[in-house]
Amino acid sequence: MEKATLTPASIRKFRAERGLSQQGLATVLNVGLVTVCRWETGKTKPEGTADAVLAALVSDRTESEPYGPLASGYAIYRLLKSRFEEGAEN
């Protein structure tokens, strides 16, 4: 899966398409609400794990959309599970 180019607009669109509030996205990514606000206004960019997870979720959008709103939650679960399993192997 190719890493998505994250822009403030793409982050807002991803969040809106899933019916997530800024706080909801912040909770999923384990960052603060102010952090998500800054990403969406272009004041800062996602970094580290949040950048990797968010980019993977944004690029996975077309795969999960046909299955409805619960699919995005499942996509998050699959991605985080695979990241955890990769880390456990190292």
PDB file of N, CA and C in Angstrom:
ATOM      1  N   MET A   1       0.840  -1.170   0.000  1.00  0.00           N
ATOM      2  CA  MET A   1       0.000   0.000   0.000  1.00  0.00           C
ATOM      3  C   MET A   1       0.889   1.238   0.000  1.00  0.00           C
ATOM      4  N   GLU A   2       0.656   2.132  -0.934  1.00  0.00           N
ATOM      5  CA  GLU A   2       1.450   3.339  -1.045  1.00  0.00           C
ATOM      6  C   GLU A   2       0.984   4.359  -0.014  1.00  0.00           C
ATOM      7  N   LYS A   3       1.956   5.072   0.584  1.00  0.00           N
ATOM      8  CA  LYS A   3       1.620   6.071   1.595  1.00  0.00           C
ATOM      9  C   LYS A   3       0.902   7.251   0.953  1.00  0.00           C
ATOM     10  N   ALA A   4      -0.201   7.641   1.553  1.00  0.00           N
ATOM     11  CA  ALA A   4      -0.979   8.769   1.050  1.00  0.00           C
ATOM     12  C   ALA A   4      -0.275  10.078   1.389  1.00  0.00           C
ATOM     13  N   THR A   5      -0.457  11.071   0.520  1.00  0.00           N
ATOM     14  CA  THR A   5       0.039  12.413   0.808  1.00  0.00           C
ATOM     15  C   THR A   5      -1.024  13.097   1.658  1.00  0.00           C
ATOM     16  N   LEU A   6      -0.647  13.436   2.878  1.00  0.00           N
ATOM     17  CA  LEU A   6      -1.604  14.047   3.787  1.00  0.00           C
ATOM     18  C   LEU A   6      -1.574  15.563   3.653  1.00  0.00           C
ATOM     19  N   THR A   7      -2.741  16.128   3.454  1.00  0.00           N
ATOM     20  CA  THR A   7      -2.916  17.575   3.439  1.00  0.00           C
ATOM     21  C   THR A   7      -3.984  17.893   4.473  1.00  0.00           C
ATOM     22  N   PRO A   8      -4.074  19.149   4.898  1.00  0.00           N
ATOM     23  CA  PRO A   8      -5.157  19.487   5.818  1.00  0.00           C
ATOM     24  C   PRO A   8      -6.531  19.073   5.267  1.00  0.00           C
ATOM     25  N   ALA A   9      -6.738  19.291   3.974  1.00  0.00           N
ATOM     26  CA  ALA A   9      -8.023  18.935   3.356  1.00  0.00           C
ATOM     27  C   ALA A   9      -8.254  17.423   3.357  1.00  0.00           C
ATOM     28  N   SER A  10      -7.211  16.643   3.087  1.00  0.00           N
ATOM     29  CA  SER A  10      -7.393  15.179   3.054  1.00  0.00           C
ATOM     30  C   SER A  10      -7.679  14.620   4.443  1.00  0.00           C
ATOM     31  N   ILE A  11      -7.101  15.224   5.459  1.00  0.00           N
ATOM     32  CA  ILE A  11      -7.371  14.778   6.835  1.00  0.00           C
ATOM     33  C   ILE A  11      -8.814  15.101   7.201  1.00  0.00           C
ATOM     34  N   ARG A  12      -9.250  16.337   6.904  1.00  0.00           N
ATOM     35  CA  ARG A  12     -10.645  16.723   7.182  1.00  0.00           C
ATOM     36  C   ARG A  12     -11.620  15.828   6.430  1.00  0.00           C
ATOM     37  N   LYS A  13     -11.317  15.567   5.142  1.00  0.00           N
ATOM     38  CA  LYS A  13     -12.206  14.738   4.321  1.00  0.00           C
ATOM     39  C   LYS A  13     -12.294  13.324   4.881  1.00  0.00           C
ATOM     40  N   PHE A  14     -11.155  12.739   5.214  1.00  0.00           N
ATOM     41  CA  PHE A  14     -11.130  11.393   5.789  1.00  0.00           C
ATOM     42  C   PHE A  14     -12.001  11.337   7.040  1.00  0.00           C
ATOM     43  N   ARG A  15     -11.827  12.318   7.915  1.00  0.00           N
ATOM     44  CA  ARG A  15     -12.567  12.349   9.177  1.00  0.00           C
ATOM     45  C   ARG A  15     -14.059  12.525   8.920  1.00  0.00           C
ATOM     46  N   ALA A  16     -14.410  13.444   8.030  1.00  0.00           N
ATOM     47  CA  ALA A  16     -15.819  13.723   7.745  1.00  0.00           C
ATOM     48  C   ALA A  16     -16.508  12.522   7.103  1.00  0.00           C
ATOM     49  N   GLU A  17     -15.810  11.834   6.194  1.00  0.00           N
ATOM     50  CA  GLU A  17     -16.401  10.672   5.526  1.00  0.00           C
ATOM     51  C   GLU A  17     -16.755   9.559   6.506  1.00  0.00           C
ATOM     52  N   ARG A  18     -16.078   9.534   7.624  1.00  0.00           N
ATOM     53  CA  ARG A  18     -16.329   8.497   8.625  1.00  0.00           C
ATOM     54  C   ARG A  18     -17.188   8.981   9.783  1.00  0.00           C
ATOM     55  N   GLY A  19     -17.617  10.221   9.718  1.00  0.00           N
ATOM     56  CA  GLY A  19     -18.460  10.757  10.775  1.00  0.00           C
ATOM     57  C   GLY A  19     -17.725  10.929  12.094  1.00  0.00           C
ATOM     58  N   LEU A  20     -16.408  11.101  12.022  1.00  0.00           N
ATOM     59  CA  LEU A  20     -15.615  11.280  13.241  1.00  0.00           C
ATOM     60  C   LEU A  20     -15.499  12.755  13.573  1.00  0.00           C
ATOM     61  N   SER A  21     -15.598  13.077  14.840  1.00  0.00           N
ATOM     62  CA  SER A  21     -15.295  14.428  15.287  1.00  0.00           C
ATOM     63  C   SER A  21     -13.775  14.566  15.366  1.00  0.00           C
ATOM     64  N   GLN A  22     -13.310  15.777  15.542  1.00  0.00           N
ATOM     65  CA  GLN A  22     -11.870  15.950  15.729  1.00  0.00           C
ATOM     66  C   GLN A  22     -11.415  15.191  16.976  1.00  0.00           C
ATOM     67  N   GLN A  23     -12.219  15.224  18.020  1.00  0.00           N
ATOM     68  CA  GLN A  23     -11.873  14.492  19.243  1.00  0.00           C
ATOM     69  C   GLN A  23     -11.852  12.988  18.988  1.00  0.00           C
ATOM     70  N   GLY A  24     -12.790  12.505  18.176  1.00  0.00           N
ATOM     71  CA  GLY A  24     -12.822  11.077  17.858  1.00  0.00           C
ATOM     72  C   GLY A  24     -11.564  10.639  17.128  1.00  0.00           C
ATOM     73  N   LEU A  25     -11.127  11.431  16.160  1.00  0.00           N
ATOM     74  CA  LEU A  25      -9.897  11.103  15.441  1.00  0.00           C
ATOM     75  C   LEU A  25      -8.703  11.180  16.381  1.00  0.00           C
ATOM     76  N   ALA A  26      -8.694  12.181  17.230  1.00  0.00           N
ATOM     77  CA  ALA A  26      -7.602  12.321  18.196  1.00  0.00           C
ATOM     78  C   ALA A  26      -7.523  11.092  19.102  1.00  0.00           C
ATOM     79  N   THR A  27      -8.665  10.599  19.531  1.00  0.00           N
ATOM     80  CA  THR A  27      -8.698   9.419  20.402  1.00  0.00           C
ATOM     81  C   THR A  27      -8.170   8.191  19.664  1.00  0.00           C
ATOM     82  N   VAL A  28      -8.611   7.985  18.431  1.00  0.00           N
ATOM     83  CA  VAL A  28      -8.166   6.836  17.640  1.00  0.00           C
ATOM     84  C   VAL A  28      -6.655   6.861  17.457  1.00  0.00           C
ATOM     85  N   LEU A  29      -6.099   8.041  17.223  1.00  0.00           N
ATOM     86  CA  LEU A  29      -4.663   8.163  16.951  1.00  0.00           C
ATOM     87  C   LEU A  29      -3.835   8.425  18.203  1.00  0.00           C
ATOM     88  N   ASN A  30      -4.508   8.524  19.354  1.00  0.00           N
ATOM     89  CA  ASN A  30      -3.833   8.753  20.634  1.00  0.00           C
ATOM     90  C   ASN A  30      -3.023  10.058  20.620  1.00  0.00           C
ATOM     91  N   VAL A  31      -3.666  11.102  20.116  1.00  0.00           N
ATOM     92  CA  VAL A  31      -3.087  12.443  20.126  1.00  0.00           C
ATOM     93  C   VAL A  31      -4.121  13.390  20.732  1.00  0.00           C
ATOM     94  N   GLY A  32      -3.730  14.610  20.975  1.00  0.00           N
ATOM     95  CA  GLY A  32      -4.644  15.584  21.546  1.00  0.00           C
ATOM     96  C   GLY A  32      -5.550  16.232  20.509  1.00  0.00           C
ATOM     97  N   LEU A  33      -6.667  16.754  20.975  1.00  0.00           N
ATOM     98  CA  LEU A  33      -7.606  17.465  20.116  1.00  0.00           C
ATOM     99  C   LEU A  33      -6.932  18.642  19.418  1.00  0.00           C
ATOM    100  N   VAL A  34      -6.120  19.384  20.139  1.00  0.00           N
ATOM    101  CA  VAL A  34      -5.425  20.538  19.558  1.00  0.00           C
ATOM    102  C   VAL A  34      -4.512  20.088  18.426  1.00  0.00           C
ATOM    103  N   THR A  35      -3.920  18.917  18.552  1.00  0.00           N
ATOM    104  CA  THR A  35      -3.046  18.390  17.498  1.00  0.00           C
ATOM    105  C   THR A  35      -3.828  18.190  16.207  1.00  0.00           C
ATOM    106  N   VAL A  36      -5.006  17.567  16.298  1.00  0.00           N
ATOM    107  CA  VAL A  36      -5.833  17.354  15.112  1.00  0.00           C
ATOM    108  C   VAL A  36      -6.258  18.699  14.525  1.00  0.00           C
ATOM    109  N   CYS A  37      -6.631  19.644  15.366  1.00  0.00           N
ATOM    110  CA  CYS A  37      -7.003  20.986  14.882  1.00  0.00           C
ATOM    111  C   CYS A  37      -5.848  21.615  14.112  1.00  0.00           C
ATOM    112  N   ARG A  38      -4.640  21.475  14.621  1.00  0.00           N
ATOM    113  CA  ARG A  38      -3.467  22.046  13.942  1.00  0.00           C
ATOM    114  C   ARG A  38      -3.193  21.364  12.612  1.00  0.00           C
ATOM    115  N   TRP A  39      -3.387  20.046  12.545  1.00  0.00           N
ATOM    116  CA  TRP A  39      -3.216  19.336  11.272  1.00  0.00           C
ATOM    117  C   TRP A  39      -4.201  19.852  10.239  1.00  0.00           C
ATOM    118  N   GLU A  40      -5.457  20.018  10.679  1.00  0.00           N
ATOM    119  CA  GLU A  40      -6.526  20.390   9.751  1.00  0.00           C
ATOM    120  C   GLU A  40      -6.459  21.857   9.314  1.00  0.00           C
ATOM    121  N   THR A  41      -5.730  22.665  10.042  1.00  0.00           N
ATOM    122  CA  THR A  41      -5.544  24.061   9.640  1.00  0.00           C
ATOM    123  C   THR A  41      -4.193  24.278   8.976  1.00  0.00           C
ATOM    124  N   GLY A  42      -3.380  23.240   8.921  1.00  0.00           N
ATOM    125  CA  GLY A  42      -2.083  23.326   8.269  1.00  0.00           C
ATOM    126  C   GLY A  42      -0.991  23.953   9.121  1.00  0.00           C
ATOM    127  N   LYS A  43      -1.263  24.159  10.402  1.00  0.00           N
ATOM    128  CA  LYS A  43      -0.249  24.758  11.284  1.00  0.00           C
ATOM    129  C   LYS A  43       0.883  23.772  11.585  1.00  0.00           C
ATOM    130  N   THR A  44       0.555  22.484  11.631  1.00  0.00           N
ATOM    131  CA  THR A  44       1.556  21.434  11.810  1.00  0.00           C
ATOM    132  C   THR A  44       1.160  20.255  10.930  1.00  0.00           C
ATOM    133  N   LYS A  45       2.064  19.287  10.825  1.00  0.00           N
ATOM    134  CA  LYS A  45       1.797  18.068  10.060  1.00  0.00           C
ATOM    135  C   LYS A  45       1.907  16.868  10.996  1.00  0.00           C
ATOM    136  N   PRO A  46       1.154  15.816  10.703  1.00  0.00           N
ATOM    137  CA  PRO A  46       1.286  14.598  11.512  1.00  0.00           C
ATOM    138  C   PRO A  46       2.725  14.083  11.445  1.00  0.00           C
ATOM    139  N   GLU A  47       3.186  13.543  12.564  1.00  0.00           N
ATOM    140  CA  GLU A  47       4.540  12.999  12.630  1.00  0.00           C
ATOM    141  C   GLU A  47       4.510  11.626  13.273  1.00  0.00           C
ATOM    142  N   GLY A  48       5.570  10.884  13.068  1.00  0.00           N
ATOM    143  CA  GLY A  48       5.767   9.607  13.741  1.00  0.00           C
ATOM    144  C   GLY A  48       4.675   8.595  13.464  1.00  0.00           C
ATOM    145  N   THR A  49       4.249   7.917  14.514  1.00  0.00           N
ATOM    146  CA  THR A  49       3.247   6.862  14.393  1.00  0.00           C
ATOM    147  C   THR A  49       1.927   7.400  13.882  1.00  0.00           C
ATOM    148  N   ALA A  50       1.518   8.561  14.367  1.00  0.00           N
ATOM    149  CA  ALA A  50       0.246   9.138  13.917  1.00  0.00           C
ATOM    150  C   ALA A  50       0.276   9.394  12.414  1.00  0.00           C
ATOM    151  N   ASP A  51       1.401   9.874  11.905  1.00  0.00           N
ATOM    152  CA  ASP A  51       1.541  10.108  10.462  1.00  0.00           C
ATOM    153  C   ASP A  51       1.417   8.795   9.698  1.00  0.00           C
ATOM    154  N   ALA A  52       2.118   7.763  10.154  1.00  0.00           N
ATOM    155  CA  ALA A  52       2.098   6.471   9.460  1.00  0.00           C
ATOM    156  C   ALA A  52       0.705   5.848   9.473  1.00  0.00           C
ATOM    157  N   VAL A  53       0.056   5.869  10.629  1.00  0.00           N
ATOM    158  CA  VAL A  53      -1.273   5.258  10.751  1.00  0.00           C
ATOM    159  C   VAL A  53      -2.297   6.046   9.946  1.00  0.00           C
ATOM    160  N   LEU A  54      -2.283   7.356  10.074  1.00  0.00           N
ATOM    161  CA  LEU A  54      -3.253   8.183   9.350  1.00  0.00           C
ATOM    162  C   LEU A  54      -3.054   8.061   7.839  1.00  0.00           C
ATOM    163  N   ALA A  55      -1.823   8.079   7.378  1.00  0.00           N
ATOM    164  CA  ALA A  55      -1.557   7.940   5.947  1.00  0.00           C
ATOM    165  C   ALA A  55      -2.047   6.583   5.435  1.00  0.00           C
ATOM    166  N   ALA A  56      -1.817   5.532   6.213  1.00  0.00           N
ATOM    167  CA  ALA A  56      -2.273   4.204   5.799  1.00  0.00           C
ATOM    168  C   ALA A  56      -3.792   4.135   5.776  1.00  0.00           C
ATOM    169  N   LEU A  57      -4.442   4.742   6.747  1.00  0.00           N
ATOM    170  CA  LEU A  57      -5.905   4.728   6.777  1.00  0.00           C
ATOM    171  C   LEU A  57      -6.490   5.531   5.625  1.00  0.00           C
ATOM    172  N   VAL A  58      -5.907   6.681   5.327  1.00  0.00           N
ATOM    173  CA  VAL A  58      -6.395   7.511   4.223  1.00  0.00           C
ATOM    174  C   VAL A  58      -6.228   6.767   2.904  1.00  0.00           C
ATOM    175  N   SER A  59      -5.086   6.091   2.709  1.00  0.00           N
ATOM    176  CA  SER A  59      -4.868   5.374   1.456  1.00  0.00           C
ATOM    177  C   SER A  59      -5.724   4.119   1.365  1.00  0.00           C
ATOM    178  N   ASP A  60      -6.214   3.597   2.505  1.00  0.00           N
ATOM    179  CA  ASP A  60      -7.063   2.400   2.550  1.00  0.00           C
ATOM    180  C   ASP A  60      -8.533   2.749   2.349  1.00  0.00           C
ATOM    181  N   ARG A  61      -8.848   4.025   2.152  1.00  0.00           N
ATOM    182  CA  ARG A  61     -10.233   4.506   2.120  1.00  0.00           C
ATOM    183  C   ARG A  61     -11.097   3.769   1.105  1.00  0.00           C
ATOM    184  N   THR A  62     -10.620   3.577  -0.092  1.00  0.00           N
ATOM    185  CA  THR A  62     -11.472   2.973  -1.116  1.00  0.00           C
ATOM    186  C   THR A  62     -11.769   1.511  -0.817  1.00  0.00           C
ATOM    187  N   GLU A  63     -10.864   0.828  -0.125  1.00  0.00           N
ATOM    188  CA  GLU A  63     -11.103  -0.567   0.221  1.00  0.00           C
ATOM    189  C   GLU A  63     -12.226  -0.703   1.250  1.00  0.00           C
ATOM    190  N   SER A  64     -12.291   0.219   2.205  1.00  0.00           N
ATOM    191  CA  SER A  64     -13.250   0.064   3.300  1.00  0.00           C
ATOM    192  C   SER A  64     -14.611   0.699   3.023  1.00  0.00           C
ATOM    193  N   GLU A  65     -14.685   1.682   2.155  1.00  0.00           N
ATOM    194  CA  GLU A  65     -15.947   2.404   1.946  1.00  0.00           C
ATOM    195  C   GLU A  65     -17.122   1.539   1.507  1.00  0.00           C
ATOM    196  N   PRO A  66     -16.939   0.544   0.641  1.00  0.00           N
ATOM    197  CA  PRO A  66     -18.112  -0.203   0.199  1.00  0.00           C
ATOM    198  C   PRO A  66     -18.839  -0.950   1.315  1.00  0.00           C
ATOM    199  N   TYR A  67     -18.203  -1.127   2.453  1.00  0.00           N
ATOM    200  CA  TYR A  67     -18.791  -1.924   3.521  1.00  0.00           C
ATOM    201  C   TYR A  67     -19.453  -1.094   4.610  1.00  0.00           C
ATOM    202  N   GLY A  68     -19.533   0.191   4.445  1.00  0.00           N
ATOM    203  CA  GLY A  68     -20.252   1.030   5.383  1.00  0.00           C
ATOM    204  C   GLY A  68     -19.393   1.562   6.516  1.00  0.00           C
ATOM    205  N   PRO A  69     -20.020   2.272   7.458  1.00  0.00           N
ATOM    206  CA  PRO A  69     -19.274   2.975   8.497  1.00  0.00           C
ATOM    207  C   PRO A  69     -18.492   2.062   9.441  1.00  0.00           C
ATOM    208  N   LEU A  70     -18.953   0.851   9.670  1.00  0.00           N
ATOM    209  CA  LEU A  70     -18.219  -0.032  10.582  1.00  0.00           C
ATOM    210  C   LEU A  70     -16.909  -0.497   9.973  1.00  0.00           C
ATOM    211  N   ALA A  71     -16.815  -0.502   8.662  1.00  0.00           N
ATOM    212  CA  ALA A  71     -15.602  -0.963   7.991  1.00  0.00           C
ATOM    213  C   ALA A  71     -14.409  -0.082   8.328  1.00  0.00           C
ATOM    214  N   SER A  72     -14.634   1.222   8.491  1.00  0.00           N
ATOM    215  CA  SER A  72     -13.497   2.083   8.807  1.00  0.00           C
ATOM    216  C   SER A  72     -12.941   1.733  10.180  1.00  0.00           C
ATOM    217  N   GLY A  73     -13.800   1.389  11.110  1.00  0.00           N
ATOM    218  CA  GLY A  73     -13.333   0.936  12.416  1.00  0.00           C
ATOM    219  C   GLY A  73     -12.555  -0.355  12.298  1.00  0.00           C
ATOM    220  N   TYR A  74     -13.041  -1.248  11.438  1.00  0.00           N
ATOM    221  CA  TYR A  74     -12.340  -2.510  11.234  1.00  0.00           C
ATOM    222  C   TYR A  74     -11.005  -2.273  10.540  1.00  0.00           C
ATOM    223  N   ALA A  75     -10.950  -1.314   9.614  1.00  0.00           N
ATOM    224  CA  ALA A  75      -9.691  -0.981   8.939  1.00  0.00           C
ATOM    225  C   ALA A  75      -8.676  -0.462   9.951  1.00  0.00           C
ATOM    226  N   ILE A  76      -9.134   0.366  10.879  1.00  0.00           N
ATOM    227  CA  ILE A  76      -8.250   0.870  11.930  1.00  0.00           C
ATOM    228  C   ILE A  76      -7.743  -0.291  12.774  1.00  0.00           C
ATOM    229  N   TYR A  77      -8.645  -1.178  13.157  1.00  0.00           N
ATOM    230  CA  TYR A  77      -8.259  -2.348  13.953  1.00  0.00           C
ATOM    231  C   TYR A  77      -7.218  -3.192  13.218  1.00  0.00           C
ATOM    232  N   ARG A  78      -7.465  -3.501  11.931  1.00  0.00           N
ATOM    233  CA  ARG A  78      -6.528  -4.337  11.149  1.00  0.00           C
ATOM    234  C   ARG A  78      -5.157  -3.689  11.079  1.00  0.00           C
ATOM    235  N   LEU A  79      -5.145  -2.388  10.806  1.00  0.00           N
ATOM    236  CA  LEU A  79      -3.882  -1.692  10.666  1.00  0.00           C
ATOM    237  C   LEU A  79      -3.116  -1.676  11.985  1.00  0.00           C
ATOM    238  N   LEU A  80      -3.796  -1.318  13.059  1.00  0.00           N
ATOM    239  CA  LEU A  80      -3.116  -1.265  14.353  1.00  0.00           C
ATOM    240  C   LEU A  80      -2.648  -2.647  14.783  1.00  0.00           C
ATOM    241  N   LYS A  81      -3.455  -3.671  14.511  1.00  0.00           N
ATOM    242  CA  LYS A  81      -3.073  -5.039  14.858  1.00  0.00           C
ATOM    243  C   LYS A  81      -1.822  -5.450  14.089  1.00  0.00           C
ATOM    244  N   SER A  82      -1.783  -5.133  12.791  1.00  0.00           N
ATOM    245  CA  SER A  82      -0.608  -5.518  11.996  1.00  0.00           C
ATOM    246  C   SER A  82       0.623  -4.763  12.470  1.00  0.00           C
ATOM    247  N   ARG A  83       0.474  -3.491  12.834  1.00  0.00           N
ATOM    248  CA  ARG A  83       1.615  -2.702  13.348  1.00  0.00           C
ATOM    249  C   ARG A  83       2.115  -3.291  14.664  1.00  0.00           C
ATOM    250  N   PHE A  84       1.185  -3.706  15.518  1.00  0.00           N
ATOM    251  CA  PHE A  84       1.554  -4.287  16.805  1.00  0.00           C
ATOM    252  C   PHE A  84       2.282  -5.608  16.585  1.00  0.00           C
ATOM    253  N   GLU A  85       1.772  -6.439  15.689  1.00  0.00           N
ATOM    254  CA  GLU A  85       2.392  -7.739  15.431  1.00  0.00           C
ATOM    255  C   GLU A  85       3.779  -7.567  14.815  1.00  0.00           C
ATOM    256  N   GLU A  86       3.946  -6.564  13.937  1.00  0.00           N
ATOM    257  CA  GLU A  86       5.260  -6.290  13.356  1.00  0.00           C
ATOM    258  C   GLU A  86       6.245  -5.888  14.455  1.00  0.00           C
ATOM    259  N   GLY A  87       5.786  -5.057  15.390  1.00  0.00           N
ATOM    260  CA  GLY A  87       6.641  -4.613  16.490  1.00  0.00           C
ATOM    261  C   GLY A  87       7.004  -5.745  17.418  1.00  0.00           C
ATOM    262  N   ALA A  88       6.088  -6.699  17.621  1.00  0.00           N
ATOM    263  CA  ALA A  88       6.342  -7.831  18.513  1.00  0.00           C
ATOM    264  C   ALA A  88       7.391  -8.770  17.921  1.00  0.00           C
ATOM    265  N   GLU A  89       7.481  -8.802  16.598  1.00  0.00           N
ATOM    266  CA  GLU A  89       8.452  -9.676  15.938  1.00  0.00           C
ATOM    267  C   GLU A  89       9.867  -9.135  16.058  1.00  0.00           C
ATOM    268  N   ASN A  90      10.012  -7.833  16.250  1.00  0.00           N
ATOM    269  CA  ASN A  90      11.356  -7.218  16.304  1.00  0.00           C
ATOM    270  C   ASN A  90      11.982  -7.331  17.664  1.00  0.00           C
TER     271      ASN A  90
END
